[in-house]
Amino acid sequence: MSDTDTDSGLYDKYEVTKNGDPVDGCFVLEPAADPAAREALIRYAERTDDEQLAADLREWVVDICTRGDTDV
């Protein structure tokens, strides 16, 4: 990551916290605005052992797509 090119690539765009404490090593997705994010969520749902999380992710992506609630 270059200090001069902060509008693209991987960089610290968001501050993620848990219980008020900063969390490092996170990657924020915006599935309503990014088809690649929706694809990533579906792939994650396919690979996780957490069946409830998988169902929730699939439902979320389907809801975004069927409502037409996408920016792209």
PDB file of N, CA and C in Angstrom:
ATOM      1  N   MET A   1       0.847  -1.186   0.000  1.00  0.00           N
ATOM      2  CA  MET A   1       0.000   0.000   0.000  1.00  0.00           C
ATOM      3  C   MET A   1       0.883   1.238   0.000  1.00  0.00           C
ATOM      4  N   SER A   2       0.571   2.153  -0.845  1.00  0.00           N
ATOM      5  CA  SER A   2       1.306   3.406  -0.959  1.00  0.00           C
ATOM      6  C   SER A   2       0.574   4.498  -0.188  1.00  0.00           C
ATOM      7  N   ASP A   3       1.318   5.364   0.493  1.00  0.00           N
ATOM      8  CA  ASP A   3       0.702   6.472   1.218  1.00  0.00           C
ATOM      9  C   ASP A   3       0.037   7.467   0.274  1.00  0.00           C
ATOM     10  N   THR A   4       0.449   7.493  -0.980  1.00  0.00           N
ATOM     11  CA  THR A   4      -0.100   8.463  -1.922  1.00  0.00           C
ATOM     12  C   THR A   4      -1.321   7.945  -2.667  1.00  0.00           C
ATOM     13  N   ASP A   5      -1.590   6.657  -2.612  1.00  0.00           N
ATOM     14  CA  ASP A   5      -2.710   6.070  -3.348  1.00  0.00           C
ATOM     15  C   ASP A   5      -3.677   5.416  -2.366  1.00  0.00           C
ATOM     16  N   THR A   6      -4.469   6.225  -1.664  1.00  0.00           N
ATOM     17  CA  THR A   6      -5.364   5.682  -0.644  1.00  0.00           C
ATOM     18  C   THR A   6      -6.787   5.488  -1.138  1.00  0.00           C
ATOM     19  N   ASP A   7      -7.045   5.669  -2.427  1.00  0.00           N
ATOM     20  CA  ASP A   7      -8.386   5.466  -2.960  1.00  0.00           C
ATOM     21  C   ASP A   7      -8.559   4.111  -3.626  1.00  0.00           C
ATOM     22  N   SER A   8      -7.521   3.306  -3.653  1.00  0.00           N
ATOM     23  CA  SER A   8      -7.621   1.986  -4.255  1.00  0.00           C
ATOM     24  C   SER A   8      -6.704   1.027  -3.513  1.00  0.00           C
ATOM     25  N   GLY A   9      -6.884  -0.248  -3.782  1.00  0.00           N
ATOM     26  CA  GLY A   9      -6.059  -1.245  -3.115  1.00  0.00           C
ATOM     27  C   GLY A   9      -6.517  -1.489  -1.683  1.00  0.00           C
ATOM     28  N   LEU A  10      -5.685  -2.162  -0.937  1.00  0.00           N
ATOM     29  CA  LEU A  10      -5.986  -2.519   0.444  1.00  0.00           C
ATOM     30  C   LEU A  10      -5.378  -1.474   1.375  1.00  0.00           C
ATOM     31  N   TYR A  11      -6.226  -0.803   2.111  1.00  0.00           N
ATOM     32  CA  TYR A  11      -5.757   0.222   3.041  1.00  0.00           C
ATOM     33  C   TYR A  11      -6.768   0.363   4.172  1.00  0.00           C
ATOM     34  N   ASP A  12      -6.417   1.074   5.219  1.00  0.00           N
ATOM     35  CA  ASP A  12      -7.266   1.236   6.402  1.00  0.00           C
ATOM     36  C   ASP A  12      -8.333   2.290   6.158  1.00  0.00           C
ATOM     37  N   LYS A  13      -9.423   1.892   5.512  1.00  0.00           N
ATOM     38  CA  LYS A  13     -10.511   2.814   5.211  1.00  0.00           C
ATOM     39  C   LYS A  13     -11.498   2.904   6.372  1.00  0.00           C
ATOM     40  N   TYR A  14     -11.694   1.789   7.076  1.00  0.00           N
ATOM     41  CA  TYR A  14     -12.666   1.731   8.164  1.00  0.00           C
ATOM     42  C   TYR A  14     -11.963   1.395   9.471  1.00  0.00           C
ATOM     43  N   GLU A  15     -12.501   1.903  10.562  1.00  0.00           N
ATOM     44  CA  GLU A  15     -12.027   1.536  11.888  1.00  0.00           C
ATOM     45  C   GLU A  15     -13.027   0.544  12.466  1.00  0.00           C
ATOM     46  N   VAL A  16     -12.583  -0.674  12.690  1.00  0.00           N
ATOM     47  CA  VAL A  16     -13.445  -1.723  13.225  1.00  0.00           C
ATOM     48  C   VAL A  16     -13.154  -1.858  14.710  1.00  0.00           C
ATOM     49  N   THR A  17     -14.221  -1.912  15.509  1.00  0.00           N
ATOM     50  CA  THR A  17     -14.054  -2.072  16.950  1.00  0.00           C
ATOM     51  C   THR A  17     -14.922  -3.215  17.457  1.00  0.00           C
ATOM     52  N   LYS A  18     -14.512  -3.779  18.581  1.00  0.00           N
ATOM     53  CA  LYS A  18     -15.293  -4.794  19.287  1.00  0.00           C
ATOM     54  C   LYS A  18     -15.296  -4.384  20.747  1.00  0.00           C
ATOM     55  N   ASN A  19     -16.478  -4.152  21.271  1.00  0.00           N
ATOM     56  CA  ASN A  19     -16.616  -3.675  22.649  1.00  0.00           C
ATOM     57  C   ASN A  19     -15.799  -2.410  22.890  1.00  0.00           C
ATOM     58  N   GLY A  20     -15.711  -1.563  21.869  1.00  0.00           N
ATOM     59  CA  GLY A  20     -15.008  -0.297  21.989  1.00  0.00           C
ATOM     60  C   GLY A  20     -13.515  -0.363  21.740  1.00  0.00           C
ATOM     61  N   ASP A  21     -12.974  -1.574  21.594  1.00  0.00           N
ATOM     62  CA  ASP A  21     -11.540  -1.730  21.361  1.00  0.00           C
ATOM     63  C   ASP A  21     -11.266  -1.957  19.878  1.00  0.00           C
ATOM     64  N   PRO A  22     -10.212  -1.334  19.345  1.00  0.00           N
ATOM     65  CA  PRO A  22      -9.881  -1.525  17.927  1.00  0.00           C
ATOM     66  C   PRO A  22      -9.565  -2.990  17.621  1.00  0.00           C
ATOM     67  N   VAL A  23      -9.973  -3.424  16.443  1.00  0.00           N
ATOM     68  CA  VAL A  23      -9.686  -4.779  15.967  1.00  0.00           C
ATOM     69  C   VAL A  23      -8.879  -4.650  14.682  1.00  0.00           C
ATOM     70  N   ASP A  24      -7.714  -5.262  14.655  1.00  0.00           N
ATOM     71  CA  ASP A  24      -6.861  -5.231  13.469  1.00  0.00           C
ATOM     72  C   ASP A  24      -7.148  -6.442  12.587  1.00  0.00           C
ATOM     73  N   GLY A  25      -6.768  -6.332  11.327  1.00  0.00           N
ATOM     74  CA  GLY A  25      -6.857  -7.464  10.418  1.00  0.00           C
ATOM     75  C   GLY A  25      -8.260  -7.753   9.920  1.00  0.00           C
ATOM     76  N   CYS A  26      -9.111  -6.737   9.835  1.00  0.00           N
ATOM     77  CA  CYS A  26     -10.477  -6.914   9.337  1.00  0.00           C
ATOM     78  C   CYS A  26     -10.586  -6.362   7.923  1.00  0.00           C
ATOM     79  N   PHE A  27     -11.564  -6.893   7.212  1.00  0.00           N
ATOM     80  CA  PHE A  27     -11.825  -6.457   5.840  1.00  0.00           C
ATOM     81  C   PHE A  27     -13.321  -6.209   5.745  1.00  0.00           C
ATOM     82  N   VAL A  28     -13.725  -5.000   5.419  1.00  0.00           N
ATOM     83  CA  VAL A  28     -15.136  -4.615   5.383  1.00  0.00           C
ATOM     84  C   VAL A  28     -15.678  -4.790   3.968  1.00  0.00           C
ATOM     85  N   LEU A  29     -16.832  -5.452   3.867  1.00  0.00           N
ATOM     86  CA  LEU A  29     -17.512  -5.631   2.585  1.00  0.00           C
ATOM     87  C   LEU A  29     -18.794  -4.815   2.568  1.00  0.00           C
ATOM     88  N   GLU A  30     -19.168  -4.316   1.392  1.00  0.00           N
ATOM     89  CA  GLU A  30     -20.431  -3.603   1.217  1.00  0.00           C
ATOM     90  C   GLU A  30     -21.225  -4.304   0.116  1.00  0.00           C
ATOM     91  N   PRO A  31     -21.957  -5.363   0.478  1.00  0.00           N
ATOM     92  CA  PRO A  31     -22.618  -6.179  -0.541  1.00  0.00           C
ATOM     93  C   PRO A  31     -23.681  -5.453  -1.352  1.00  0.00           C
ATOM     94  N   ALA A  32     -24.303  -4.437  -0.820  1.00  0.00           N
ATOM     95  CA  ALA A  32     -25.309  -3.706  -1.600  1.00  0.00           C
ATOM     96  C   ALA A  32     -24.662  -2.909  -2.724  1.00  0.00           C
ATOM     97  N   ALA A  33     -23.396  -2.565  -2.550  1.00  0.00           N
ATOM     98  CA  ALA A  33     -22.711  -1.720  -3.528  1.00  0.00           C
ATOM     99  C   ALA A  33     -21.709  -2.474  -4.394  1.00  0.00           C
ATOM    100  N   ASP A  34     -21.454  -3.746  -4.071  1.00  0.00           N
ATOM    101  CA  ASP A  34     -20.351  -4.440  -4.735  1.00  0.00           C
ATOM    102  C   ASP A  34     -20.709  -5.893  -5.034  1.00  0.00           C
ATOM    103  N   PRO A  35     -20.872  -6.243  -6.312  1.00  0.00           N
ATOM    104  CA  PRO A  35     -21.192  -7.626  -6.656  1.00  0.00           C
ATOM    105  C   PRO A  35     -20.114  -8.617  -6.197  1.00  0.00           C
ATOM    106  N   ALA A  36     -18.864  -8.189  -6.160  1.00  0.00           N
ATOM    107  CA  ALA A  36     -17.796  -9.075  -5.679  1.00  0.00           C
ATOM    108  C   ALA A  36     -17.981  -9.385  -4.196  1.00  0.00           C
ATOM    109  N   ALA A  37     -18.498  -8.427  -3.438  1.00  0.00           N
ATOM    110  CA  ALA A  37     -18.768  -8.658  -2.016  1.00  0.00           C
ATOM    111  C   ALA A  37     -19.882  -9.684  -1.848  1.00  0.00           C
ATOM    112  N   ARG A  38     -20.908  -9.592  -2.682  1.00  0.00           N
ATOM    113  CA  ARG A  38     -21.995 -10.578  -2.617  1.00  0.00           C
ATOM    114  C   ARG A  38     -21.464 -11.972  -2.932  1.00  0.00           C
ATOM    115  N   GLU A  39     -20.640 -12.065  -3.945  1.00  0.00           N
ATOM    116  CA  GLU A  39     -20.027 -13.349  -4.309  1.00  0.00           C
ATOM    117  C   GLU A  39     -19.173 -13.881  -3.164  1.00  0.00           C
ATOM    118  N   ALA A  40     -18.406 -13.008  -2.524  1.00  0.00           N
ATOM    119  CA  ALA A  40     -17.559 -13.418  -1.400  1.00  0.00           C
ATOM    120  C   ALA A  40     -18.403 -13.956  -0.250  1.00  0.00           C
ATOM    121  N   LEU A  41     -19.532 -13.321   0.025  1.00  0.00           N
ATOM    122  CA  LEU A  41     -20.406 -13.795   1.100  1.00  0.00           C
ATOM    123  C   LEU A  41     -20.994 -15.160   0.785  1.00  0.00           C
ATOM    124  N   ILE A  42     -21.377 -15.383  -0.460  1.00  0.00           N
ATOM    125  CA  ILE A  42     -21.895 -16.694  -0.860  1.00  0.00           C
ATOM    126  C   ILE A  42     -20.807 -17.755  -0.712  1.00  0.00           C
ATOM    127  N   ARG A  43     -19.603 -17.455  -1.161  1.00  0.00           N
ATOM    128  CA  ARG A  43     -18.491 -18.411  -1.029  1.00  0.00           C
ATOM    129  C   ARG A  43     -18.191 -18.691   0.441  1.00  0.00           C
ATOM    130  N   TYR A  44     -18.231 -17.659   1.275  1.00  0.00           N
ATOM    131  CA  TYR A  44     -18.000 -17.852   2.707  1.00  0.00           C
ATOM    132  C   TYR A  44     -19.081 -18.758   3.289  1.00  0.00           C
ATOM    133  N   ALA A  45     -20.317 -18.532   2.890  1.00  0.00           N
ATOM    134  CA  ALA A  45     -21.425 -19.363   3.371  1.00  0.00           C
ATOM    135  C   ALA A  45     -21.220 -20.824   2.980  1.00  0.00           C
ATOM    136  N   GLU A  46     -20.652 -21.060   1.818  1.00  0.00           N
ATOM    137  CA  GLU A  46     -20.389 -22.428   1.369  1.00  0.00           C
ATOM    138  C   GLU A  46     -19.296 -23.110   2.185  1.00  0.00           C
ATOM    139  N   ARG A  47     -18.380 -22.334   2.746  1.00  0.00           N
ATOM    140  CA  ARG A  47     -17.208 -22.905   3.421  1.00  0.00           C
ATOM    141  C   ARG A  47     -17.296 -22.944   4.936  1.00  0.00           C
ATOM    142  N   THR A  48     -18.152 -22.114   5.545  1.00  0.00           N
ATOM    143  CA  THR A  48     -18.203 -22.070   6.998  1.00  0.00           C
ATOM    144  C   THR A  48     -18.897 -23.309   7.561  1.00  0.00           C
ATOM    145  N   ASP A  49     -18.476 -23.717   8.748  1.00  0.00           N
ATOM    146  CA  ASP A  49     -19.134 -24.818   9.452  1.00  0.00           C
ATOM    147  C   ASP A  49     -20.330 -24.327  10.261  1.00  0.00           C
ATOM    148  N   ASP A  50     -20.468 -23.018  10.385  1.00  0.00           N
ATOM    149  CA  ASP A  50     -21.574 -22.422  11.146  1.00  0.00           C
ATOM    150  C   ASP A  50     -22.809 -22.368  10.244  1.00  0.00           C
ATOM    151  N   GLU A  51     -23.674 -23.356  10.404  1.00  0.00           N
ATOM    152  CA  GLU A  51     -24.838 -23.478   9.517  1.00  0.00           C
ATOM    153  C   GLU A  51     -25.780 -22.280   9.615  1.00  0.00           C
ATOM    154  N   GLN A  52     -25.949 -21.733  10.813  1.00  0.00           N
ATOM    155  CA  GLN A  52     -26.830 -20.581  10.965  1.00  0.00           C
ATOM    156  C   GLN A  52     -26.249 -19.357  10.272  1.00  0.00           C
ATOM    157  N   LEU A  53     -24.951 -19.149  10.424  1.00  0.00           N
ATOM    158  CA  LEU A  53     -24.295 -18.034   9.739  1.00  0.00           C
ATOM    159  C   LEU A  53     -24.419 -18.197   8.228  1.00  0.00           C
ATOM    160  N   ALA A  54     -24.206 -19.402   7.736  1.00  0.00           N
ATOM    161  CA  ALA A  54     -24.319 -19.661   6.298  1.00  0.00           C
ATOM    162  C   ALA A  54     -25.719 -19.320   5.803  1.00  0.00           C
ATOM    163  N   ALA A  55     -26.737 -19.757   6.532  1.00  0.00           N
ATOM    164  CA  ALA A  55     -28.121 -19.471   6.141  1.00  0.00           C
ATOM    165  C   ALA A  55     -28.394 -17.971   6.175  1.00  0.00           C
ATOM    166  N   ASP A  56     -27.909 -17.302   7.212  1.00  0.00           N
ATOM    167  CA  ASP A  56     -28.116 -15.856   7.336  1.00  0.00           C
ATOM    168  C   ASP A  56     -27.440 -15.098   6.188  1.00  0.00           C
ATOM    169  N   LEU A  57     -26.223 -15.494   5.839  1.00  0.00           N
ATOM    170  CA  LEU A  57     -25.511 -14.827   4.746  1.00  0.00           C
ATOM    171  C   LEU A  57     -26.232 -15.025   3.420  1.00  0.00           C
ATOM    172  N   ARG A  58     -26.660 -16.259   3.163  1.00  0.00           N
ATOM    173  CA  ARG A  58     -27.387 -16.522   1.912  1.00  0.00           C
ATOM    174  C   ARG A  58     -28.673 -15.704   1.851  1.00  0.00           C
ATOM    175  N   GLU A  59     -29.403 -15.679   2.959  1.00  0.00           N
ATOM    176  CA  GLU A  59     -30.655 -14.919   3.008  1.00  0.00           C
ATOM    177  C   GLU A  59     -30.396 -13.432   2.771  1.00  0.00           C
ATOM    178  N   TRP A  60     -29.345 -12.912   3.368  1.00  0.00           N
ATOM    179  CA  TRP A  60     -29.000 -11.499   3.215  1.00  0.00           C
ATOM    180  C   TRP A  60     -28.712 -11.169   1.752  1.00  0.00           C
ATOM    181  N   VAL A  61     -27.908 -11.998   1.095  1.00  0.00           N
ATOM    182  CA  VAL A  61     -27.557 -11.748  -0.303  1.00  0.00           C
ATOM    183  C   VAL A  61     -28.790 -11.862  -1.195  1.00  0.00           C
ATOM    184  N   VAL A  62     -29.607 -12.878  -0.978  1.00  0.00           N
ATOM    185  CA  VAL A  62     -30.835 -13.025  -1.769  1.00  0.00           C
ATOM    186  C   VAL A  62     -31.731 -11.814  -1.562  1.00  0.00           C
ATOM    187  N   ASP A  63     -31.856 -11.363  -0.323  1.00  0.00           N
ATOM    188  CA  ASP A  63     -32.689 -10.198  -0.023  1.00  0.00           C
ATOM    189  C   ASP A  63     -32.182  -8.956  -0.753  1.00  0.00           C
ATOM    190  N   ILE A  64     -30.885  -8.736  -0.732  1.00  0.00           N
ATOM    191  CA  ILE A  64     -30.300  -7.591  -1.437  1.00  0.00           C
ATOM    192  C   ILE A  64     -30.623  -7.672  -2.923  1.00  0.00           C
ATOM    193  N   CYS A  65     -30.442  -8.841  -3.500  1.00  0.00           N
ATOM    194  CA  CYS A  65     -30.629  -9.007  -4.950  1.00  0.00           C
ATOM    195  C   CYS A  65     -32.097  -8.947  -5.360  1.00  0.00           C
ATOM    196  N   THR A  66     -32.989  -9.518  -4.578  1.00  0.00           N
ATOM    197  CA  THR A  66     -34.399  -9.538  -4.968  1.00  0.00           C
ATOM    198  C   THR A  66     -35.084  -8.205  -4.716  1.00  0.00           C
ATOM    199  N   ARG A  67     -34.617  -7.449  -3.746  1.00  0.00           N
ATOM    200  CA  ARG A  67     -35.177  -6.119  -3.497  1.00  0.00           C
ATOM    201  C   ARG A  67     -34.671  -5.119  -4.515  1.00  0.00           C
ATOM    202  N   GLY A  68     -33.625  -5.505  -5.205  1.00  0.00           N
ATOM    203  CA  GLY A  68     -33.007  -4.540  -6.106  1.00  0.00           C
ATOM    204  C   GLY A  68     -32.264  -3.483  -5.318  1.00  0.00           C
ATOM    205  N   ASP A  69     -31.910  -3.817  -4.078  1.00  0.00           N
ATOM    206  CA  ASP A  69     -31.236  -2.881  -3.177  1.00  0.00           C
ATOM    207  C   ASP A  69     -29.734  -2.913  -3.417  1.00  0.00           C
ATOM    208  N   THR A  70     -29.348  -2.709  -4.661  1.00  0.00           N
ATOM    209  CA  THR A  70     -27.929  -2.679  -4.982  1.00  0.00           C
ATOM    210  C   THR A  70     -27.596  -1.360  -5.652  1.00  0.00           C
ATOM    211  N   ASP A  71     -26.420  -0.880  -5.367  1.00  0.00           N
ATOM    212  CA  ASP A  71     -25.945   0.359  -5.983  1.00  0.00           C
ATOM    213  C   ASP A  71     -25.319   0.086  -7.341  1.00  0.00           C
ATOM    214  N   VAL A  72     -25.085  -1.192  -7.634  1.00  0.00           N
ATOM    215  CA  VAL A  72     -24.415  -1.557  -8.885  1.00  0.00           C
ATOM    216  C   VAL A  72     -25.354  -2.402  -9.709  1.00  0.00           C
TER     217      VAL A  72
END
